Structures are given as structure tokens and as C-alpha cells.
């Protein structure tokens, strides 16, 4: 069976997760401004507890963004270092997709449910994704986007709004969905589910292609 490691540091949370024999183990922590100090030790602890070496993995997944500039750079550096050292391929996953996947699984949403994960992008903008939950996994309905709150539209038909980007909901162009949970953050465990789908579909990439997705041309990103 597929054995994958996943890393997320796209927001103030930091998590690593391991998929092995169809089961997922995760270490999830809220670590504002501390990703650099904790991320690699968390990986080491998780692999040691499972009595696994890097070479025994099939690949390394990671949330590629959007999110915190600092957190994404820490995650990418960690992923590339591990992947180059072990010769493993990498599997990027949208941080917004990981949010949607985590919530859909946790709440056992009905097949076909629509989710709109949103993160506060600072600078009076939001990162917004549109996903549908089908057969246990989320699928993108549109590309993740960086938008001014007033440009966010077509939300009324959505089943769930997720993430701290929804604090701007009063400025969105139409009514909010039936349910909003502003506490949801990306998680490595959810990214693993999506990465496994991509791995089985032959979408793994070489280590040098582990790159962040910022959705903004400026370097004045959101800071951890």
C-alpha cells in the first residue's frame, strides 16, 4: 500500500502526518512564528514512532499554498531537503483544498456538498477556493483565487464557508452560505488524502518542482 508523509505550515498551525497501511497518524500544533524550530523535529518524531526511514516512503506531500509567506518557505525548504536526501517525489496540495477536505471528512458531509474555504490574505484581500465533496474527496470547481472581498460572489448556494477569510463576509457580493466555520485551518492529514489520489494517478513531481503557490506578485505577504 502507499506510504506517504505530508507537511503543512501554510498558516499559524503546523502539522505533519503519515499515511501507512491505509491509516493516518498526525501531529498537529498551533505554532505561530515557530514553524522553523518545530517542523523538522515533528517529522523525525513521527517517522521514529512508526519505525520508518525516509527511504521507505513513496513520496512527500505538502500544502503548497496559498497562505503565509514565511510558513510556506519553511515547508518548501523542509520538503525539498527531505526529498533530495531520499530521492523521493513530492506531491503539492492546495492549502484551501486541505481545509475543505478536513471539514468534509470531520462533518461527514453529503456527497456533492459545496465548500468555500477562505483565508485572510491581509492587505484587504482573501484567498478563496471552491470545492465539491464527491466520493470521499474534494474536487476543485474553480482555481484558487486572490480577491478583494467585494469580488467574492456566488456564495449563497454553498453548503459551507470555511476559514478566517470569512470575517470579510459582510462585504462579499451576495449572501453567506448556510454554515460558516471560521476556525478551520489546513491540516497535513487532510492533505494526505488528496495527495494519495494524485500519487495513484501518477502526478508525483521531482523534488525541484516543490514550489509555493502565493497567488500574489508582491513579496509583502501575510506573515506568521
C-alpha atoms as a PDB file:
ATOM      1  CA  UNK A   1       0.000   0.000   0.000  1.00  0.00           C
ATOM      2  CA  UNK A   2       1.002   3.628  -0.489  1.00  0.00           C
ATOM      3  CA  UNK A   3       3.107   5.199   2.280  1.00  0.00           C
ATOM      4  CA  UNK A   4       3.226   8.991   2.271  1.00  0.00           C
ATOM      5  CA  UNK A   5       4.383  11.769   4.564  1.00  0.00           C
ATOM      6  CA  UNK A   6       2.645  15.154   4.498  1.00  0.00           C
ATOM      7  CA  UNK A   7       3.715  18.546   5.817  1.00  0.00           C
ATOM      8  CA  UNK A   8       1.631  21.682   6.378  1.00  0.00           C
ATOM      9  CA  UNK A   9       2.887  25.070   7.579  1.00  0.00           C
ATOM     10  CA  UNK A  10       0.708  27.364   5.460  1.00  0.00           C
ATOM     11  CA  UNK A  11      -0.883  29.171   8.427  1.00  0.00           C
ATOM     12  CA  UNK A  12      -0.252  29.622  12.152  1.00  0.00           C
ATOM     13  CA  UNK A  13      -0.808  25.879  12.517  1.00  0.00           C
ATOM     14  CA  UNK A  14       1.894  23.332  11.798  1.00  0.00           C
ATOM     15  CA  UNK A  15       1.258  19.643  11.185  1.00  0.00           C
ATOM     16  CA  UNK A  16       2.873  16.505   9.830  1.00  0.00           C
ATOM     17  CA  UNK A  17       1.035  13.307   9.010  1.00  0.00           C
ATOM     18  CA  UNK A  18       1.860   9.794   7.871  1.00  0.00           C
ATOM     19  CA  UNK A  19      -0.253   7.522   5.689  1.00  0.00           C
ATOM     20  CA  UNK A  20       0.663   3.862   6.163  1.00  0.00           C
ATOM     21  CA  UNK A  21      -1.379   0.733   5.520  1.00  0.00           C
ATOM     22  CA  UNK A  22      -4.421   2.899   4.894  1.00  0.00           C
ATOM     23  CA  UNK A  23      -4.176   4.559   8.332  1.00  0.00           C
ATOM     24  CA  UNK A  24      -3.193   8.148   9.118  1.00  0.00           C
ATOM     25  CA  UNK A  25      -1.199   9.394  12.106  1.00  0.00           C
ATOM     26  CA  UNK A  26      -0.845  13.149  12.637  1.00  0.00           C
ATOM     27  CA  UNK A  27       0.977  15.624  14.844  1.00  0.00           C
ATOM     28  CA  UNK A  28      -0.937  18.927  14.727  1.00  0.00           C
ATOM     29  CA  UNK A  29       0.073  22.028  16.686  1.00  0.00           C
ATOM     30  CA  UNK A  30      -0.689  25.734  16.744  1.00  0.00           C
ATOM     31  CA  UNK A  31       2.770  27.295  16.481  1.00  0.00           C
ATOM     32  CA  UNK A  32       2.640  30.963  15.471  1.00  0.00           C
ATOM     33  CA  UNK A  33       6.105  32.135  14.371  1.00  0.00           C
ATOM     34  CA  UNK A  34       7.704  28.861  15.439  1.00  0.00           C
ATOM     35  CA  UNK A  35       7.499  26.654  12.324  1.00  0.00           C
ATOM     36  CA  UNK A  36      11.243  26.692  11.699  1.00  0.00           C
ATOM     37  CA  UNK A  37      12.037  25.385  15.177  1.00  0.00           C
ATOM     38  CA  UNK A  38       9.448  22.614  15.331  1.00  0.00           C
ATOM     39  CA  UNK A  39       8.700  21.289  11.835  1.00  0.00           C
ATOM     40  CA  UNK A  40      11.696  19.024  11.215  1.00  0.00           C
ATOM     41  CA  UNK A  41      11.684  17.584  14.771  1.00  0.00           C
ATOM     42  CA  UNK A  42       7.983  16.804  14.301  1.00  0.00           C
ATOM     43  CA  UNK A  43       8.800  14.878  11.120  1.00  0.00           C
ATOM     44  CA  UNK A  44      11.589  12.981  12.878  1.00  0.00           C
ATOM     45  CA  UNK A  45       9.351  12.094  15.816  1.00  0.00           C
ATOM     46  CA  UNK A  46       6.529  10.844  13.618  1.00  0.00           C
ATOM     47  CA  UNK A  47       8.783   8.640  11.495  1.00  0.00           C
ATOM     48  CA  UNK A  48      10.623   7.320  14.560  1.00  0.00           C
ATOM     49  CA  UNK A  49       7.358   6.416  16.272  1.00  0.00           C
ATOM     50  CA  UNK A  50       6.339   4.472  13.166  1.00  0.00           C
ATOM     51  CA  UNK A  51       9.804   2.892  12.902  1.00  0.00           C
ATOM     52  CA  UNK A  52      10.131   4.154   9.352  1.00  0.00           C
ATOM     53  CA  UNK A  53      13.010   5.677   7.434  1.00  0.00           C
ATOM     54  CA  UNK A  54      12.560   8.260   4.682  1.00  0.00           C
ATOM     55  CA  UNK A  55      13.633   5.748   2.039  1.00  0.00           C
ATOM     56  CA  UNK A  56      10.665   3.557   2.937  1.00  0.00           C
ATOM     57  CA  UNK A  57       8.192   6.257   1.896  1.00  0.00           C
ATOM     58  CA  UNK A  58       6.669   6.519  -1.568  1.00  0.00           C
ATOM     59  CA  UNK A  59       6.565  10.302  -1.557  1.00  0.00           C
ATOM     60  CA  UNK A  60       6.248  13.530   0.424  1.00  0.00           C
ATOM     61  CA  UNK A  61       3.121  15.659   0.210  1.00  0.00           C
ATOM     62  CA  UNK A  62       2.869  19.291   1.290  1.00  0.00           C
ATOM     63  CA  UNK A  63       0.424  22.169   1.283  1.00  0.00           C
ATOM     64  CA  UNK A  64       1.861  24.471  -1.356  1.00  0.00           C
ATOM     65  CA  UNK A  65      -0.345  27.460  -0.523  1.00  0.00           C
ATOM     66  CA  UNK A  66      -1.851  29.902  -0.606  1.00  0.00           C
ATOM     67  CA  UNK A  67      -1.008  31.066   2.886  1.00  0.00           C
ATOM     68  CA  UNK A  68       1.721  32.615   4.983  1.00  0.00           C
ATOM     69  CA  UNK A  69       4.849  33.524   3.036  1.00  0.00           C
ATOM     70  CA  UNK A  70       7.132  32.544   5.900  1.00  0.00           C
ATOM     71  CA  UNK A  71       5.336  29.281   6.644  1.00  0.00           C
ATOM     72  CA  UNK A  72       5.281  28.218   3.011  1.00  0.00           C
ATOM     73  CA  UNK A  73       9.002  28.892   2.601  1.00  0.00           C
ATOM     74  CA  UNK A  74       9.790  26.840   5.717  1.00  0.00           C
ATOM     75  CA  UNK A  75       7.641  23.962   4.448  1.00  0.00           C
ATOM     76  CA  UNK A  76       9.160  24.038   0.957  1.00  0.00           C
ATOM     77  CA  UNK A  77      12.712  24.093   2.309  1.00  0.00           C
ATOM     78  CA  UNK A  78      11.913  21.144   4.568  1.00  0.00           C
ATOM     79  CA  UNK A  79      10.204  19.148   1.830  1.00  0.00           C
ATOM     80  CA  UNK A  80      12.959  19.754  -0.701  1.00  0.00           C
ATOM     81  CA  UNK A  81      15.646  18.844   1.808  1.00  0.00           C
ATOM     82  CA  UNK A  82      13.923  15.579   2.703  1.00  0.00           C
ATOM     83  CA  UNK A  83      13.050  14.730  -0.897  1.00  0.00           C
ATOM     84  CA  UNK A  84      16.526  15.420  -2.289  1.00  0.00           C
ATOM     85  CA  UNK A  85      18.150  13.448   0.521  1.00  0.00           C
ATOM     86  CA  UNK A  86      15.971  10.410  -0.073  1.00  0.00           C
ATOM     87  CA  UNK A  87      15.290  10.606  -3.803  1.00  0.00           C
ATOM     88  CA  UNK A  88      11.532  10.781  -3.175  1.00  0.00           C
ATOM     89  CA  UNK A  89       8.965  12.550  -5.358  1.00  0.00           C
ATOM     90  CA  UNK A  90       6.758  15.328  -3.996  1.00  0.00           C
ATOM     91  CA  UNK A  91       3.023  15.978  -4.136  1.00  0.00           C
ATOM     92  CA  UNK A  92       1.780  19.578  -3.775  1.00  0.00           C
ATOM     93  CA  UNK A  93      -1.739  20.098  -2.417  1.00  0.00           C
ATOM     94  CA  UNK A  94      -3.705  23.337  -2.189  1.00  0.00           C
ATOM     95  CA  UNK A  95      -3.957  24.557   1.398  1.00  0.00           C
ATOM     96  CA  UNK A  96      -7.559  25.576   0.656  1.00  0.00           C
ATOM     97  CA  UNK A  97      -8.320  22.072  -0.611  1.00  0.00           C
ATOM     98  CA  UNK A  98      -6.849  20.634   2.597  1.00  0.00           C
ATOM     99  CA  UNK A  99      -9.185  22.856   4.628  1.00  0.00           C
ATOM    100  CA  UNK A 100     -12.182  21.687   2.630  1.00  0.00           C
ATOM    101  CA  UNK A 101     -11.163  18.035   2.858  1.00  0.00           C
ATOM    102  CA  UNK A 102     -10.649  18.178   6.621  1.00  0.00           C
ATOM    103  CA  UNK A 103     -14.038  19.750   7.272  1.00  0.00           C
ATOM    104  CA  UNK A 104     -15.915  17.477   4.863  1.00  0.00           C
ATOM    105  CA  UNK A 105     -14.473  14.369   6.496  1.00  0.00           C
ATOM    106  CA  UNK A 106     -14.969  15.612  10.047  1.00  0.00           C
ATOM    107  CA  UNK A 107     -18.596  16.548   9.467  1.00  0.00           C
ATOM    108  CA  UNK A 108     -19.359  13.570   7.188  1.00  0.00           C
ATOM    109  CA  UNK A 109     -20.863  15.896   4.596  1.00  0.00           C
ATOM    110  CA  UNK A 110     -23.241  14.581   1.983  1.00  0.00           C
ATOM    111  CA  UNK A 111     -21.889  13.683  -1.437  1.00  0.00           C
ATOM    112  CA  UNK A 112     -21.978  16.725  -3.690  1.00  0.00           C
ATOM    113  CA  UNK A 113     -21.658  19.273  -0.874  1.00  0.00           C
ATOM    114  CA  UNK A 114     -20.000  22.529  -1.897  1.00  0.00           C
ATOM    115  CA  UNK A 115     -17.344  24.171   0.282  1.00  0.00           C
ATOM    116  CA  UNK A 116     -15.766  27.611   0.024  1.00  0.00           C
ATOM    117  CA  UNK A 117     -12.540  27.734   2.062  1.00  0.00           C
ATOM    118  CA  UNK A 118     -11.140  31.232   2.506  1.00  0.00           C
ATOM    119  CA  UNK A 119      -8.017  32.535   4.238  1.00  0.00           C
ATOM    120  CA  UNK A 120      -7.310  36.110   5.224  1.00  0.00           C
ATOM    121  CA  UNK A 121      -4.633  37.221   2.728  1.00  0.00           C
ATOM    122  CA  UNK A 122      -4.080  40.516   4.565  1.00  0.00           C
ATOM    123  CA  UNK A 123      -3.834  43.723   2.509  1.00  0.00           C
ATOM    124  CA  UNK A 124      -7.670  43.718   2.444  1.00  0.00           C
ATOM    125  CA  UNK A 125      -7.886  40.565   0.311  1.00  0.00           C
ATOM    126  CA  UNK A 126      -8.861  36.920   0.706  1.00  0.00           C
ATOM    127  CA  UNK A 127      -7.650  33.636  -0.749  1.00  0.00           C
ATOM    128  CA  UNK A 128     -10.768  31.791  -1.899  1.00  0.00           C
ATOM    129  CA  UNK A 129     -11.321  28.243  -3.134  1.00  0.00           C
ATOM    130  CA  UNK A 130     -14.429  26.463  -4.448  1.00  0.00           C
ATOM    131  CA  UNK A 131     -14.660  22.706  -3.931  1.00  0.00           C
ATOM    132  CA  UNK A 132     -17.215  19.913  -4.156  1.00  0.00           C
ATOM    133  CA  UNK A 133     -17.072  16.819  -1.957  1.00  0.00           C
ATOM    134  CA  UNK A 134     -17.571  13.715  -4.057  1.00  0.00           C
ATOM    135  CA  UNK A 135     -16.916  10.066  -3.187  1.00  0.00           C
ATOM    136  CA  UNK A 136     -14.901  10.993  -0.104  1.00  0.00           C
ATOM    137  CA  UNK A 137     -12.579  13.571  -1.673  1.00  0.00           C
ATOM    138  CA  UNK A 138     -12.891  17.244  -2.606  1.00  0.00           C
ATOM    139  CA  UNK A 139     -12.579  18.360  -6.207  1.00  0.00           C
ATOM    140  CA  UNK A 140     -11.883  21.892  -7.388  1.00  0.00           C
ATOM    141  CA  UNK A 141     -14.766  23.724  -9.055  1.00  0.00           C
ATOM    142  CA  UNK A 142     -12.524  26.683  -9.939  1.00  0.00           C
ATOM    143  CA  UNK A 143      -8.921  27.723  -9.466  1.00  0.00           C
ATOM    144  CA  UNK A 144      -7.956  29.146  -6.080  1.00  0.00           C
ATOM    145  CA  UNK A 145      -8.025  32.928  -6.305  1.00  0.00           C
ATOM    146  CA  UNK A 146      -6.864  36.091  -4.554  1.00  0.00           C
ATOM    147  CA  UNK A 147      -9.786  38.512  -4.387  1.00  0.00           C
ATOM    148  CA  UNK A 148     -10.948  41.713  -2.802  1.00  0.00           C
ATOM    149  CA  UNK A 149     -13.892  40.896  -0.510  1.00  0.00           C
ATOM    150  CA  UNK A 150     -16.287  42.762  -2.804  1.00  0.00           C
ATOM    151  CA  UNK A 151     -15.262  40.474  -5.682  1.00  0.00           C
ATOM    152  CA  UNK A 152     -16.328  37.303  -3.839  1.00  0.00           C
ATOM    153  CA  UNK A 153     -19.636  36.176  -5.331  1.00  0.00           C
ATOM    154  CA  UNK A 154     -21.869  33.136  -5.815  1.00  0.00           C
ATOM    155  CA  UNK A 155     -21.565  32.048  -2.202  1.00  0.00           C
ATOM    156  CA  UNK A 156     -25.242  31.708  -1.307  1.00  0.00           C
ATOM    157  CA  UNK A 157     -25.620  28.228  -2.804  1.00  0.00           C
ATOM    158  CA  UNK A 158     -22.579  26.854  -0.991  1.00  0.00           C
ATOM    159  CA  UNK A 159     -23.098  24.389   1.846  1.00  0.00           C
ATOM    160  CA  UNK A 160     -20.223  25.642   3.995  1.00  0.00           C
ATOM    161  CA  UNK A 161     -17.902  28.624   4.255  1.00  0.00           C
ATOM    162  CA  UNK A 162     -14.567  27.844   5.946  1.00  0.00           C
ATOM    163  CA  UNK A 163     -11.634  29.746   7.357  1.00  0.00           C
ATOM    164  CA  UNK A 164     -10.770  33.159   8.728  1.00  0.00           C
ATOM    165  CA  UNK A 165     -11.310  34.796   5.336  1.00  0.00           C
ATOM    166  CA  UNK A 166     -14.994  34.696   6.175  1.00  0.00           C
ATOM    167  CA  UNK A 167     -14.548  37.570   8.600  1.00  0.00           C
ATOM    168  CA  UNK A 168     -14.994  39.683   5.460  1.00  0.00           C
ATOM    169  CA  UNK A 169     -18.363  38.059   4.671  1.00  0.00           C
ATOM    170  CA  UNK A 170     -20.336  41.260   5.242  1.00  0.00           C
ATOM    171  CA  UNK A 171     -18.504  42.727   2.246  1.00  0.00           C
ATOM    172  CA  UNK A 172     -18.986  39.733  -0.066  1.00  0.00           C
ATOM    173  CA  UNK A 173     -21.177  40.400  -3.087  1.00  0.00           C
ATOM    174  CA  UNK A 174     -24.072  38.164  -2.015  1.00  0.00           C
ATOM    175  CA  UNK A 175     -25.498  36.280   0.944  1.00  0.00           C
ATOM    176  CA  UNK A 176     -23.377  33.933   3.035  1.00  0.00           C
ATOM    177  CA  UNK A 177     -23.843  30.143   2.839  1.00  0.00           C
ATOM    178  CA  UNK A 178     -25.931  28.257   5.374  1.00  0.00           C
ATOM    179  CA  UNK A 179     -22.953  27.450   7.612  1.00  0.00           C
ATOM    180  CA  UNK A 180     -19.686  29.267   8.297  1.00  0.00           C
ATOM    181  CA  UNK A 181     -16.801  27.922  10.421  1.00  0.00           C
ATOM    182  CA  UNK A 182     -14.012  30.484  10.717  1.00  0.00           C
ATOM    183  CA  UNK A 183     -11.765  28.258  12.860  1.00  0.00           C
ATOM    184  CA  UNK A 184     -10.810  25.730  10.154  1.00  0.00           C
ATOM    185  CA  UNK A 185      -7.142  25.635   9.129  1.00  0.00           C
ATOM    186  CA  UNK A 186      -5.253  23.365   6.698  1.00  0.00           C
ATOM    187  CA  UNK A 187      -4.077  20.038   8.114  1.00  0.00           C
ATOM    188  CA  UNK A 188      -1.473  17.572   6.871  1.00  0.00           C
ATOM    189  CA  UNK A 189      -3.852  14.634   7.468  1.00  0.00           C
ATOM    190  CA  UNK A 190      -6.367  16.067   5.002  1.00  0.00           C
ATOM    191  CA  UNK A 191      -3.628  16.867   2.501  1.00  0.00           C
ATOM    192  CA  UNK A 192      -2.585  13.199   2.646  1.00  0.00           C
ATOM    193  CA  UNK A 193      -5.965  12.027   1.354  1.00  0.00           C
ATOM    194  CA  UNK A 194      -5.695  14.297  -1.654  1.00  0.00           C
ATOM    195  CA  UNK A 195      -2.020  13.520  -2.217  1.00  0.00           C
ATOM    196  CA  UNK A 196      -2.736   9.794  -2.258  1.00  0.00           C
ATOM    197  CA  UNK A 197      -5.235  10.345  -5.084  1.00  0.00           C
ATOM    198  CA  UNK A 198      -2.612  12.284  -7.052  1.00  0.00           C
ATOM    199  CA  UNK A 199       0.112   9.727  -6.350  1.00  0.00           C
ATOM    200  CA  UNK A 200      -2.044   6.863  -7.636  1.00  0.00           C
ATOM    201  CA  UNK A 201      -2.850   8.975 -10.706  1.00  0.00           C
ATOM    202  CA  UNK A 202       0.873   9.345 -11.475  1.00  0.00           C
ATOM    203  CA  UNK A 203       1.044  13.047 -10.602  1.00  0.00           C
ATOM    204  CA  UNK A 204       4.057  12.965  -8.281  1.00  0.00           C
ATOM    205  CA  UNK A 205       6.776  15.504  -9.136  1.00  0.00           C
ATOM    206  CA  UNK A 206      10.565  15.600  -8.767  1.00  0.00           C
ATOM    207  CA  UNK A 207      11.861  17.398  -5.671  1.00  0.00           C
ATOM    208  CA  UNK A 208      12.999  20.510  -7.545  1.00  0.00           C
ATOM    209  CA  UNK A 209       9.392  21.166  -8.551  1.00  0.00           C
ATOM    210  CA  UNK A 210       8.305  21.623  -4.933  1.00  0.00           C
ATOM    211  CA  UNK A 211       7.327  25.274  -5.190  1.00  0.00           C
ATOM    212  CA  UNK A 212       4.989  27.523  -3.196  1.00  0.00           C
ATOM    213  CA  UNK A 213       1.757  28.959  -4.571  1.00  0.00           C
ATOM    214  CA  UNK A 214       1.417  32.572  -3.458  1.00  0.00           C
ATOM    215  CA  UNK A 215      -1.323  33.957  -5.774  1.00  0.00           C
ATOM    216  CA  UNK A 216       0.199  37.414  -5.310  1.00  0.00           C
ATOM    217  CA  UNK A 217       3.007  39.130  -7.200  1.00  0.00           C
ATOM    218  CA  UNK A 218       4.187  41.245  -4.256  1.00  0.00           C
ATOM    219  CA  UNK A 219       6.532  39.907  -1.586  1.00  0.00           C
ATOM    220  CA  UNK A 220       4.569  41.722   1.136  1.00  0.00           C
ATOM    221  CA  UNK A 221       2.715  38.550   2.073  1.00  0.00           C
ATOM    222  CA  UNK A 222       0.893  37.621   5.201  1.00  0.00           C
ATOM    223  CA  UNK A 223       3.388  36.926   7.975  1.00  0.00           C
ATOM    224  CA  UNK A 224       3.268  34.101  10.521  1.00  0.00           C
END
